[in-house]
N, C-alpha and C. Protein backbone atom coordinates (compact mmCIF):
# COMPACT_ATOMS: atom_id res chain seq x y z
N MET A 1 0.69 -1.23 -0.18
CA MET A 1 0.31 0.08 0.12
C MET A 1 1.14 1.15 0.07
N GLN A 2 1.79 1.01 0.90
CA GLN A 2 2.88 2.42 1.23
C GLN A 2 3.45 2.52 -0.27
N ARG A 3 3.91 1.33 -0.99
CA ARG A 3 4.62 1.68 -2.51
C ARG A 3 3.58 2.31 -3.55
N LEU A 4 2.14 2.16 -3.70
CA LEU A 4 0.99 2.50 -4.24
C LEU A 4 1.02 3.99 -4.11
N THR A 5 1.00 4.25 -2.72
CA THR A 5 0.75 5.82 -2.44
C THR A 5 2.03 6.57 -2.86
N LEU A 6 3.34 5.87 -2.49
CA LEU A 6 4.57 6.61 -2.83
C LEU A 6 4.67 7.21 -4.36
N ALA A 7 4.06 6.15 -5.26
CA ALA A 7 4.49 5.48 -6.75
C ALA A 7 2.93 6.76 -7.10
N LEU A 8 2.15 7.16 -6.54
CA LEU A 8 1.04 7.96 -6.98
C LEU A 8 1.42 9.43 -6.52
N ALA A 9 1.99 9.48 -5.33
CA ALA A 9 2.76 10.53 -5.33
C ALA A 9 3.72 11.14 -6.13
N TRP A 10 4.30 10.45 -6.50
CA TRP A 10 5.56 10.45 -7.34
C TRP A 10 5.07 11.14 -8.96
N MET A 11 4.32 10.00 -9.34
CA MET A 11 3.38 10.95 -10.69
C MET A 11 2.95 12.23 -10.21
N LEU A 12 2.37 12.48 -9.31
CA LEU A 12 1.47 13.73 -9.63
C LEU A 12 2.49 14.98 -9.49
N LEU A 13 3.34 14.12 -8.69
CA LEU A 13 4.69 15.66 -8.77
C LEU A 13 5.70 15.75 -9.72
N ALA A 14 5.90 14.64 -10.19
CA ALA A 14 6.56 14.78 -11.68
C ALA A 14 6.13 14.56 -12.73
N GLY A 15 4.84 14.45 -12.45
CA GLY A 15 4.10 14.60 -14.16
C GLY A 15 3.96 15.39 -14.87
N PRO A 16 3.84 16.75 -14.62
CA PRO A 16 3.38 17.86 -14.81
C PRO A 16 5.50 18.28 -15.64
N LEU A 17 6.22 18.12 -15.01
CA LEU A 17 7.82 18.05 -15.64
C LEU A 17 8.05 17.18 -16.67
N LEU A 18 7.14 16.09 -16.68
CA LEU A 18 7.59 14.96 -17.59
C LEU A 18 6.78 15.26 -18.82
N ALA A 19 5.84 16.20 -18.72
CA ALA A 19 4.77 16.40 -19.87
C ALA A 19 5.21 17.74 -20.51
N THR A 20 6.22 18.45 -20.14
CA THR A 20 6.53 19.58 -20.72
C THR A 20 7.49 19.36 -22.08
N PRO A 21 7.36 19.07 -22.83
CA PRO A 21 8.33 19.24 -23.95
C PRO A 21 9.24 20.33 -24.09
N ALA A 22 10.50 20.15 -24.75
CA ALA A 22 11.06 21.03 -24.73
C ALA A 22 11.00 21.79 -26.04
N LEU A 23 11.00 23.22 -25.72
CA LEU A 23 10.88 24.42 -26.65
C LEU A 23 11.30 24.56 -27.91
N SER A 24 12.69 24.00 -28.03
CA SER A 24 12.69 24.61 -29.33
C SER A 24 12.94 23.27 -30.13
N ALA A 25 13.24 24.07 -31.48
CA ALA A 25 12.70 22.60 -32.90
C ALA A 25 13.64 21.43 -32.38
N GLY A 26 14.76 21.77 -32.19
CA GLY A 26 15.84 20.86 -31.88
C GLY A 26 15.57 19.59 -31.05
N GLY A 27 14.97 20.31 -29.77
CA GLY A 27 14.47 19.50 -29.15
C GLY A 27 13.19 18.76 -28.96
N GLY A 28 12.39 20.17 -29.77
CA GLY A 28 10.92 19.82 -29.16
C GLY A 28 10.61 18.84 -30.45
N GLY A 29 11.23 18.31 -31.67
CA GLY A 29 10.83 17.67 -32.59
C GLY A 29 10.76 15.96 -32.33
N GLY A 30 11.09 15.74 -31.13
CA GLY A 30 11.60 14.52 -30.82
C GLY A 30 10.23 14.02 -29.96
N GLY A 31 11.09 12.89 -29.00
CA GLY A 31 9.64 11.89 -28.60
C GLY A 31 8.76 12.03 -27.80
N GLY A 32 8.24 13.43 -27.91
CA GLY A 32 6.67 13.70 -27.15
C GLY A 32 7.29 13.76 -25.63
N GLY A 33 6.12 13.28 -24.85
CA GLY A 33 6.59 12.94 -23.55
C GLY A 33 5.32 13.71 -22.89
N GLY A 34 4.66 14.06 -23.60
CA GLY A 34 3.27 14.81 -22.89
C GLY A 34 2.48 13.70 -22.80
N GLN A 35 1.27 14.02 -21.98
CA GLN A 35 -0.04 12.69 -21.49
C GLN A 35 -0.71 12.46 -22.72
N THR A 36 -0.96 13.15 -23.71
CA THR A 36 -1.56 12.81 -25.06
C THR A 36 -0.78 11.46 -25.55
N THR A 37 0.47 11.45 -25.87
CA THR A 37 1.03 10.63 -26.30
C THR A 37 1.46 9.56 -25.04
N SER A 38 1.70 9.89 -23.77
CA SER A 38 2.23 8.84 -23.04
C SER A 38 1.37 8.07 -22.46
N GLN A 39 -0.23 8.64 -22.71
CA GLN A 39 -1.28 7.98 -21.71
C GLN A 39 -2.59 7.55 -22.39
N CYS A 40 -2.49 8.16 -23.88
CA CYS A 40 -3.63 8.23 -24.67
C CYS A 40 -3.71 7.26 -25.75
N LYS A 41 -4.52 6.50 -26.13
CA LYS A 41 -4.51 5.93 -27.38
C LYS A 41 -4.56 6.78 -28.39
N ARG A 42 -4.06 6.06 -29.62
CA ARG A 42 -4.58 7.00 -31.03
C ARG A 42 -5.28 7.49 -31.16
N GLY A 43 -5.69 8.82 -31.72
CA GLY A 43 -7.05 8.89 -31.87
C GLY A 43 -7.62 9.93 -30.82
N GLN A 44 -6.87 9.97 -29.52
CA GLN A 44 -7.33 10.23 -28.46
C GLN A 44 -6.78 11.35 -28.10
N VAL A 45 -6.99 12.27 -27.01
CA VAL A 45 -6.23 13.36 -26.58
C VAL A 45 -6.41 13.65 -24.99
N TRP A 46 -5.23 14.30 -24.43
CA TRP A 46 -6.01 14.32 -22.81
C TRP A 46 -6.61 15.73 -22.58
N ASP A 47 -7.61 15.35 -21.89
CA ASP A 47 -8.75 16.35 -21.49
C ASP A 47 -8.08 16.89 -19.71
N ALA A 48 -7.34 17.86 -19.67
CA ALA A 48 -6.96 18.43 -18.89
C ALA A 48 -7.84 18.70 -17.83
N LYS A 49 -9.35 19.02 -18.05
CA LYS A 49 -10.55 19.45 -17.24
C LYS A 49 -11.13 18.00 -16.47
N ARG A 50 -11.05 17.23 -17.43
CA ARG A 50 -11.70 15.65 -17.21
C ARG A 50 -10.88 14.81 -16.63
N GLN A 51 -9.21 15.39 -16.70
CA GLN A 51 -8.17 14.36 -16.73
C GLN A 51 -8.56 12.96 -16.92
N LYS A 52 -8.52 12.93 -18.12
CA LYS A 52 -8.50 11.56 -18.92
C LYS A 52 -8.46 11.69 -20.24
N CYS A 53 -8.39 10.81 -21.19
CA CYS A 53 -8.10 10.74 -22.43
C CYS A 53 -9.47 10.66 -22.97
N VAL A 54 -9.92 11.37 -24.20
CA VAL A 54 -11.40 11.27 -24.46
C VAL A 54 -11.03 11.91 -26.36
N THR A 55 -11.97 11.17 -26.81
CA THR A 55 -11.65 11.59 -28.66
C THR A 55 -12.09 12.90 -28.56
N PRO A 56 -11.09 13.71 -29.59
CA PRO A 56 -11.54 15.35 -29.59
C PRO A 56 -12.53 15.66 -30.76
N LYS A 57 -13.25 16.01 -29.71
CA LYS A 57 -14.44 17.26 -30.71
C LYS A 57 -14.26 18.41 -30.93
N ARG A 58 -15.00 19.22 -31.78
CA ARG A 58 -15.21 20.89 -31.42
C ARG A 58 -15.89 21.07 -30.40
N GLY A 59 -15.40 22.17 -29.70
CA GLY A 59 -16.40 22.36 -28.58
C GLY A 59 -16.27 21.72 -27.55
N GLU A 60 -16.10 20.19 -27.48
CA GLU A 60 -15.79 19.63 -26.22
C GLU A 60 -14.94 19.61 -25.66
N ILE A 61 -13.79 20.51 -25.86
CA ILE A 61 -12.39 20.35 -25.11
C ILE A 61 -11.82 21.52 -25.29
N ASP A 62 -11.26 22.15 -23.98
CA ASP A 62 -10.55 23.50 -24.07
C ASP A 62 -10.06 23.53 -25.14
N ASP A 63 -9.36 24.77 -25.21
CA ASP A 63 -8.17 25.25 -25.91
C ASP A 63 -6.72 25.06 -25.38
N ASP A 64 -6.79 25.23 -24.03
CA ASP A 64 -5.58 24.73 -23.43
C ASP A 64 -5.14 23.41 -23.60
N SER A 65 -6.30 22.48 -23.34
CA SER A 65 -5.89 21.01 -23.82
C SER A 65 -5.90 20.64 -25.03
N LEU A 66 -6.09 21.26 -25.97
CA LEU A 66 -6.31 21.18 -27.27
C LEU A 66 -4.90 21.59 -27.88
N TYR A 67 -4.86 22.21 -27.30
CA TYR A 67 -2.85 23.04 -27.31
C TYR A 67 -1.70 22.09 -26.87
N GLU A 68 -1.98 21.71 -25.69
CA GLU A 68 -0.92 20.47 -24.89
C GLU A 68 -0.93 19.65 -25.63
N ALA A 69 -2.25 19.08 -26.05
CA ALA A 69 -2.44 17.55 -27.03
C ALA A 69 -1.66 17.96 -28.37
N GLY A 70 -2.27 18.94 -29.03
CA GLY A 70 -1.36 19.17 -30.30
C GLY A 70 0.43 19.05 -30.44
N ARG A 71 0.50 19.75 -29.22
CA ARG A 71 1.99 20.29 -28.94
C ARG A 71 3.06 18.79 -28.62
N ASP A 72 2.20 18.12 -27.96
CA ASP A 72 2.52 16.58 -27.46
C ASP A 72 2.56 16.13 -28.76
N LEU A 73 1.85 15.97 -29.60
CA LEU A 73 1.50 15.35 -30.75
C LEU A 73 2.66 15.65 -31.92
N ALA A 74 2.78 16.89 -32.32
CA ALA A 74 4.16 17.34 -32.99
C ALA A 74 5.43 16.96 -32.28
N ASN A 75 5.58 17.31 -31.14
CA ASN A 75 7.19 17.05 -30.72
C ASN A 75 7.19 15.41 -30.70
N ALA A 76 6.09 14.69 -30.82
CA ALA A 76 6.23 13.20 -31.18
C ALA A 76 6.53 12.76 -32.36
N GLY A 77 6.36 14.09 -33.61
CA GLY A 77 6.59 13.50 -34.86
C GLY A 77 5.15 13.13 -35.40
N ARG A 78 3.95 13.38 -34.73
CA ARG A 78 2.70 12.83 -35.25
C ARG A 78 1.93 13.77 -35.61
N TYR A 79 2.59 14.59 -36.65
CA TYR A 79 1.94 15.94 -37.59
C TYR A 79 0.58 15.95 -37.76
N GLY A 80 -0.08 14.71 -38.83
CA GLY A 80 -0.99 14.49 -39.05
C GLY A 80 -2.26 14.91 -38.13
N GLU A 81 -1.48 14.29 -36.95
CA GLU A 81 -2.73 14.20 -36.18
C GLU A 81 -2.66 15.60 -35.04
N ALA A 82 -1.63 16.15 -35.28
CA ALA A 82 -1.27 17.40 -34.42
C ALA A 82 -2.42 18.78 -35.38
N ILE A 83 -2.27 18.51 -36.53
CA ILE A 83 -2.91 18.99 -37.35
C ILE A 83 -4.41 19.25 -36.95
N VAL A 84 -4.88 18.01 -36.98
CA VAL A 84 -6.39 17.41 -36.51
C VAL A 84 -6.68 18.07 -35.45
N VAL A 85 -6.17 17.89 -34.26
CA VAL A 85 -5.99 18.58 -33.17
C VAL A 85 -6.16 19.83 -32.74
N LEU A 86 -5.15 20.48 -33.53
CA LEU A 86 -5.11 22.01 -33.53
C LEU A 86 -6.13 22.77 -33.93
N SER A 87 -6.35 22.24 -35.04
CA SER A 87 -7.77 22.97 -35.77
C SER A 87 -8.89 22.75 -35.10
N LEU A 88 -8.80 21.80 -34.00
CA LEU A 88 -10.35 22.15 -33.62
C LEU A 88 -10.70 23.31 -32.21
N ALA A 89 -9.32 23.94 -31.94
CA ALA A 89 -9.36 24.78 -31.23
C ALA A 89 -10.55 25.85 -31.65
N ALA A 90 -11.00 26.74 -30.69
CA ALA A 90 -12.40 27.68 -30.44
C ALA A 90 -11.35 29.05 -31.20
N ASP A 91 -10.48 29.14 -30.76
CA ASP A 91 -9.55 30.60 -30.37
C ASP A 91 -8.83 30.25 -31.79
N LYS A 92 -9.07 30.80 -33.11
CA LYS A 92 -8.29 30.24 -34.10
C LYS A 92 -7.16 31.49 -34.47
N SER A 93 -6.78 32.59 -33.31
CA SER A 93 -5.99 33.61 -33.35
C SER A 93 -4.85 32.93 -32.53
N ASP A 94 -4.96 32.06 -31.50
CA ASP A 94 -4.29 32.07 -30.22
C ASP A 94 -2.77 31.14 -30.83
N PRO A 95 -1.61 32.61 -30.43
CA PRO A 95 -0.40 32.17 -31.32
C PRO A 95 0.02 31.43 -30.93
N ARG A 96 -0.48 30.38 -30.16
CA ARG A 96 0.42 28.92 -29.57
C ARG A 96 0.10 28.03 -30.58
N ILE A 97 -1.46 28.09 -30.85
CA ILE A 97 -2.37 27.17 -31.68
C ILE A 97 -1.67 27.32 -33.00
N LEU A 98 -1.13 28.82 -33.29
CA LEU A 98 -0.92 29.02 -35.00
C LEU A 98 0.32 28.67 -35.08
N ASN A 99 1.24 28.80 -34.24
CA ASN A 99 2.76 28.29 -34.17
C ASN A 99 2.91 26.79 -34.46
N TYR A 100 1.77 26.17 -33.61
CA TYR A 100 2.45 24.77 -33.96
C TYR A 100 1.60 24.25 -35.30
N LEU A 101 0.33 24.81 -35.06
CA LEU A 101 0.01 24.67 -36.82
C LEU A 101 0.80 24.78 -37.55
N GLY A 102 1.80 25.88 -37.44
CA GLY A 102 2.82 26.30 -38.54
C GLY A 102 3.82 24.93 -38.56
N TYR A 103 4.03 24.52 -37.27
CA TYR A 103 5.23 23.56 -37.18
C TYR A 103 4.72 22.33 -37.92
N SER A 104 3.90 22.06 -37.48
CA SER A 104 3.61 20.88 -38.10
C SER A 104 3.47 20.55 -39.72
N HIS A 105 2.79 21.58 -39.84
CA HIS A 105 2.78 21.62 -41.88
C HIS A 105 4.18 21.43 -42.20
N ARG A 106 5.11 22.75 -41.65
CA ARG A 106 6.59 22.42 -42.05
C ARG A 106 6.92 21.04 -42.21
N LYS A 107 7.04 20.43 -40.75
CA LYS A 107 7.31 19.21 -40.55
C LYS A 107 6.94 18.37 -42.01
N GLN A 108 5.57 18.36 -42.13
CA GLN A 108 5.19 17.50 -43.62
C GLN A 108 5.51 18.10 -44.67
N GLY A 109 6.43 19.07 -44.68
CA GLY A 109 7.13 19.31 -45.90
C GLY A 109 6.45 20.64 -46.63
N ARG A 110 5.27 20.95 -45.90
CA ARG A 110 4.30 22.44 -46.40
C ARG A 110 4.79 23.35 -45.68
N VAL A 111 6.22 23.95 -46.56
CA VAL A 111 6.75 24.83 -45.46
C VAL A 111 6.28 26.32 -45.75
N GLN A 112 5.67 26.54 -47.19
CA GLN A 112 4.83 27.92 -47.37
C GLN A 112 3.57 27.67 -46.46
N VAL A 113 2.81 26.79 -46.08
CA VAL A 113 1.75 26.79 -45.41
C VAL A 113 2.15 27.01 -43.67
N GLY A 114 3.29 26.51 -43.47
CA GLY A 114 4.07 26.69 -41.72
C GLY A 114 4.19 28.54 -41.83
N LEU A 115 5.00 28.97 -42.91
CA LEU A 115 5.22 30.47 -43.07
C LEU A 115 3.98 31.04 -42.69
N GLY A 116 3.14 30.62 -43.42
CA GLY A 116 1.92 31.54 -43.04
C GLY A 116 1.54 31.47 -41.57
N TYR A 117 1.50 30.30 -41.04
CA TYR A 117 0.64 30.36 -39.49
C TYR A 117 1.68 31.10 -38.29
N TYR A 118 3.14 30.72 -38.92
CA TYR A 118 4.26 31.32 -37.94
C TYR A 118 3.69 32.78 -38.33
N GLU A 119 3.40 33.56 -39.34
CA GLU A 119 3.45 35.25 -39.61
C GLU A 119 2.31 35.39 -38.87
N GLU A 120 1.15 34.50 -38.62
CA GLU A 120 0.06 34.98 -38.20
C GLU A 120 0.10 35.12 -36.64
N ALA A 121 0.78 33.99 -36.28
CA ALA A 121 1.32 33.92 -34.90
C ALA A 121 1.86 35.58 -34.43
N LEU A 122 2.81 35.59 -35.10
CA LEU A 122 3.63 36.86 -34.55
C LEU A 122 2.78 38.06 -35.03
N ARG A 123 1.95 38.55 -35.64
CA ARG A 123 0.66 39.60 -35.72
C ARG A 123 -0.02 39.02 -34.70
N ALA A 124 -0.35 38.30 -33.55
CA ALA A 124 -1.19 37.91 -32.40
C ALA A 124 -0.20 38.55 -31.60
N ASN A 125 1.00 38.01 -31.42
CA ASN A 125 1.99 38.41 -30.70
C ASN A 125 3.52 38.17 -30.89
N PRO A 126 3.86 39.51 -31.17
CA PRO A 126 5.41 39.61 -31.77
C PRO A 126 6.50 39.40 -31.05
N ASP A 127 6.20 39.12 -29.67
CA ASP A 127 7.39 38.83 -28.93
C ASP A 127 7.21 37.44 -28.97
N TYR A 128 6.57 36.58 -29.39
CA TYR A 128 6.52 34.94 -29.34
C TYR A 128 7.92 34.60 -29.86
N THR A 129 8.79 34.42 -29.20
CA THR A 129 10.20 33.90 -29.35
C THR A 129 10.13 32.50 -29.98
N LEU A 130 9.37 31.47 -29.76
CA LEU A 130 9.37 30.14 -30.43
C LEU A 130 8.71 30.20 -31.51
N ALA A 131 8.09 30.99 -31.90
CA ALA A 131 7.21 31.10 -33.40
C ALA A 131 8.54 31.60 -34.40
N ARG A 132 9.38 32.89 -33.60
CA ARG A 132 10.47 33.54 -34.60
C ARG A 132 11.15 32.37 -34.59
N GLU A 133 11.90 31.77 -33.86
CA GLU A 133 12.50 30.20 -33.76
C GLU A 133 11.87 29.36 -35.10
N TYR A 134 10.92 29.09 -35.32
CA TYR A 134 10.67 28.19 -35.98
C TYR A 134 10.29 28.89 -37.52
N LEU A 135 9.90 30.02 -37.58
CA LEU A 135 10.14 30.91 -38.91
C LEU A 135 11.35 30.89 -39.46
N GLY A 136 12.63 31.15 -38.51
CA GLY A 136 13.55 31.18 -39.08
C GLY A 136 14.00 29.62 -39.67
N GLU A 137 13.54 28.72 -38.91
CA GLU A 137 13.86 27.73 -39.57
C GLU A 137 13.45 27.37 -40.78
N ALA A 138 12.54 27.64 -40.75
CA ALA A 138 11.49 27.44 -42.26
C ALA A 138 12.50 28.10 -43.50
N HIS A 139 12.57 29.53 -43.11
CA HIS A 139 13.73 30.33 -43.90
C HIS A 139 14.82 29.43 -44.32
N LEU A 140 15.14 28.44 -43.43
CA LEU A 140 16.15 27.96 -43.84
C LEU A 140 15.77 26.89 -45.01
N GLN A 141 14.87 25.84 -44.68
CA GLN A 141 14.55 25.12 -45.23
C GLN A 141 14.61 25.74 -46.63
N LEU A 142 13.97 27.12 -46.81
CA LEU A 142 13.72 27.18 -48.05
C LEU A 142 15.25 28.25 -48.73
N GLY A 143 16.32 28.16 -47.82
CA GLY A 143 17.59 28.36 -48.45
C GLY A 143 17.66 30.18 -48.52
N ASP A 144 16.86 30.83 -47.42
CA ASP A 144 16.56 32.23 -47.16
C ASP A 144 17.45 32.25 -45.97
N VAL A 145 18.77 32.41 -45.74
CA VAL A 145 19.41 32.65 -44.50
C VAL A 145 19.50 33.84 -43.82
N ASN A 146 19.46 34.88 -44.82
CA ASN A 146 19.28 36.65 -44.60
C ASN A 146 17.90 36.65 -43.38
N SER A 147 16.65 35.77 -43.90
CA SER A 147 15.59 36.05 -43.53
C SER A 147 15.60 35.21 -41.80
N ALA A 148 16.31 34.44 -41.77
CA ALA A 148 16.59 33.26 -40.59
C ALA A 148 17.12 34.32 -39.74
N ARG A 149 18.46 35.17 -40.25
CA ARG A 149 19.41 35.95 -39.42
C ARG A 149 18.41 37.19 -38.95
N GLU A 150 17.65 37.47 -39.91
CA GLU A 150 16.53 38.74 -39.44
C GLU A 150 16.06 38.08 -38.11
N GLN A 151 15.29 36.93 -38.25
CA GLN A 151 14.42 36.61 -36.91
C GLN A 151 15.43 36.10 -35.79
N LEU A 152 16.86 35.57 -35.98
CA LEU A 152 17.62 35.91 -34.83
C LEU A 152 17.84 36.62 -33.97
N ARG A 153 17.79 38.18 -35.27
CA ARG A 153 18.23 39.40 -34.49
C ARG A 153 16.59 39.69 -33.31
N GLU A 154 15.71 39.44 -33.97
CA GLU A 154 14.44 39.41 -33.34
C GLU A 154 14.46 39.05 -31.81
N ILE A 155 14.79 37.96 -32.31
CA ILE A 155 14.75 36.69 -31.39
C ILE A 155 15.80 37.55 -29.89
N GLU A 156 16.83 37.28 -30.34
CA GLU A 156 17.97 38.34 -29.49
C GLU A 156 17.55 39.49 -29.09
N LYS A 157 16.81 40.79 -29.59
CA LYS A 157 16.07 42.02 -29.09
C LYS A 157 15.11 41.67 -27.74
N ARG A 158 14.22 40.59 -28.15
CA ARG A 158 13.48 40.03 -26.77
C ARG A 158 13.52 39.20 -25.34
N CYS A 159 14.94 38.04 -25.96
CA CYS A 159 15.08 37.56 -24.64
C CYS A 159 16.41 37.20 -24.93
N GLY A 160 17.61 38.11 -25.30
CA GLY A 160 19.17 38.06 -25.17
C GLY A 160 19.60 36.74 -26.29
N ARG A 161 21.12 36.29 -26.16
CA ARG A 161 21.29 35.63 -26.58
C ARG A 161 21.49 34.35 -25.97
N GLY A 162 20.95 34.33 -24.57
CA GLY A 162 21.29 33.21 -23.60
C GLY A 162 19.86 32.43 -23.59
N CYS A 163 18.82 32.71 -24.47
CA CYS A 163 17.66 32.07 -24.33
C CYS A 163 17.62 30.89 -24.97
N ALA A 164 16.75 29.83 -25.16
CA ALA A 164 16.99 28.61 -25.45
C ALA A 164 16.76 28.43 -26.91
N GLU A 165 15.43 29.84 -27.74
CA GLU A 165 15.00 29.96 -28.64
C GLU A 165 16.36 30.47 -29.65
N TYR A 166 17.02 31.81 -29.12
CA TYR A 166 18.23 31.94 -29.83
C TYR A 166 19.55 30.78 -30.07
N THR A 167 19.50 30.36 -28.94
CA THR A 167 20.58 29.25 -29.12
C THR A 167 20.52 28.22 -29.95
N GLU A 168 19.03 27.69 -30.17
CA GLU A 168 18.60 26.75 -31.45
C GLU A 168 18.85 26.93 -32.86
N LEU A 169 18.22 28.32 -32.94
CA LEU A 169 18.16 29.42 -34.27
C LEU A 169 19.64 29.04 -34.88
N SER A 170 20.39 29.96 -33.53
CA SER A 170 21.94 30.07 -34.02
C SER A 170 22.58 29.14 -34.31
N GLU A 171 22.51 27.69 -33.86
CA GLU A 171 22.85 26.67 -33.74
C GLU A 171 22.21 26.20 -35.44
N GLN A 172 20.94 25.94 -35.91
CA GLN A 172 20.55 25.54 -37.10
C GLN A 172 21.11 26.74 -38.26
N ILE A 173 21.32 27.98 -38.22
CA ILE A 173 22.15 28.77 -38.87
C ILE A 173 23.49 28.11 -38.67
N LEU A 174 24.00 28.11 -38.47
CA LEU A 174 25.55 27.63 -38.23
C LEU A 174 25.42 26.35 -39.37
N GLN A 175 24.90 25.44 -38.78
CA GLN A 175 24.87 24.12 -39.63
C GLN A 175 24.61 24.49 -41.32
N PHE A 176 23.11 25.27 -41.12
CA PHE A 176 22.74 25.56 -42.70
C PHE A 176 24.04 25.92 -43.62
N GLN A 177 24.63 27.03 -42.61
CA GLN A 177 26.30 27.78 -43.63
C GLN A 177 27.40 26.65 -43.69
N ARG A 178 27.41 25.52 -42.73
CA ARG A 178 28.28 24.47 -43.05
C ARG A 178 28.03 23.93 -44.50
N ARG A 179 26.90 23.50 -44.37
CA ARG A 179 26.35 22.60 -45.70
C ARG A 179 26.26 23.34 -46.81
N GLY A 180 26.18 24.82 -46.88
CA GLY A 180 26.05 25.38 -48.00
C GLY A 180 27.77 25.36 -48.60
């Protein structure tokens, strides 16, 4: 009984830490780790309000849960599922939703579609540095290093050279230049 209590306590305390994916594209495109991918079967998402896995339907799950599930799916490389889930959000102008729609489309090879979502996210919140990082990476995919550098400068203005988004995009630019 004591083991079960300790295990439950550990899950309650550590669960939120384990469910938080990395913020940058380099770390964020990997293994996921959120509740949707770790606890739910395919086709379901974690509903934070109900504290269980549910089949997503428009208007039945709050936007924060849809965002978390979509981000989780995108970070696990399940981009098509992420797009479906994120598209269910009621607030079509939420920069977090727009950013991960852009990320998922870009990762599926629709870079121009991704660019549009990133730009829309930045119109809603110009200080959203993760969207700027991903926008910079999209520009690199198109071979436009100058536009990627522009986003790097914008990130630096907002959070300096020490933030994860600056570090990640800076590294992506260096790798791009080494290949070119």
